[in-house]
Amino acid sequence: MVISPTTLFTGQQLIWLPACPSTNSEAQQLLRENRASEGCTVITDDQFAGRGQRGNQWLAAPGENLTLSIVWLPTFLEASQQFLLSQAVALGAYDWAAALLQPAGELKLKWPNDVYFGTQKLGGILIENSLNGAKIQSSIVGIGLNVNQRHFAVPTATSLGMLTGRYFQRELLAARLLEYLERRYLQLRAGQVSQLRRDYLAALYRYQETHDYEVAGRRVRGQIVGVEPDGRLAVAINGQVERFGLQEIKYV
């Protein structure tokens, strides 16, 4: 796969693998061996043991989607600011999809960083950070986005091809994705945190809407009212704002 993104560093060192268990694992290995410069991108046609959020497996049909991992070195971030990176990455993926889906009104970011169209998942993100004391030392940004796949094992998944009826050249889409991601990363590096938070809330799935959720095994009615700086989801339930980590609340 030949990709030529117009970026400062993201994707300028590009490693394409016909198949691999996990692009995140491959990127981590390169980092450990000091063979990855910042922006090093590992991309594959066939990831057969990809990891997702909550310990789930990320499944993608070979040769039909985008599956890649980027090495970034956000040493300017405190360990307590990890969710800022998650927001920046999610917004980069959102910007990319919004440019391809017109109108993009149903395109949303489902907390913490899944890309949704309506009630169906278009892509997922898994970021694995290494810390050095109170600072982030390095980040492996894993991204899976459904592009041309038309058949999924679950009805809650969708792709650009299904939504538009088009077939996409993945090389072009990969280059544009890296550009959008780097743009948001540079925004974060420049300290434009308030703008990132505003844009994230504007794109947030179910934001300020009333829906059912499952908390501690019981169904509750609540409204997402924000996201804390540490990444916890703030939900108003029975007049009280409660805050939840990744494993503590389920969408119904």
Foldseek 3Di string as FASTA:
>chain_A
DDADAPDDAACPAEAEDQEDQEQLVVVVVCVVVVNDDANYKYWYQYHNAYAAPPRDGDDDDGNFWTKMKGKHFPQVDFPLQVLLLLLLLLVLVQVLVPVLDVPQVQWFAEPPRFTARNQATFKGWDKDFDDDVGGTGMIIIIIIGGAGDDDDPDPRHDYSCRRPVDGDDVSHSVSSSSVSSVVSVVCVVVVVSVVSQVVNLVRYPQAQHWAWKAFPRDIFIWGFDGADSSGWTWIQGPNDTDTHDDVGMGGD
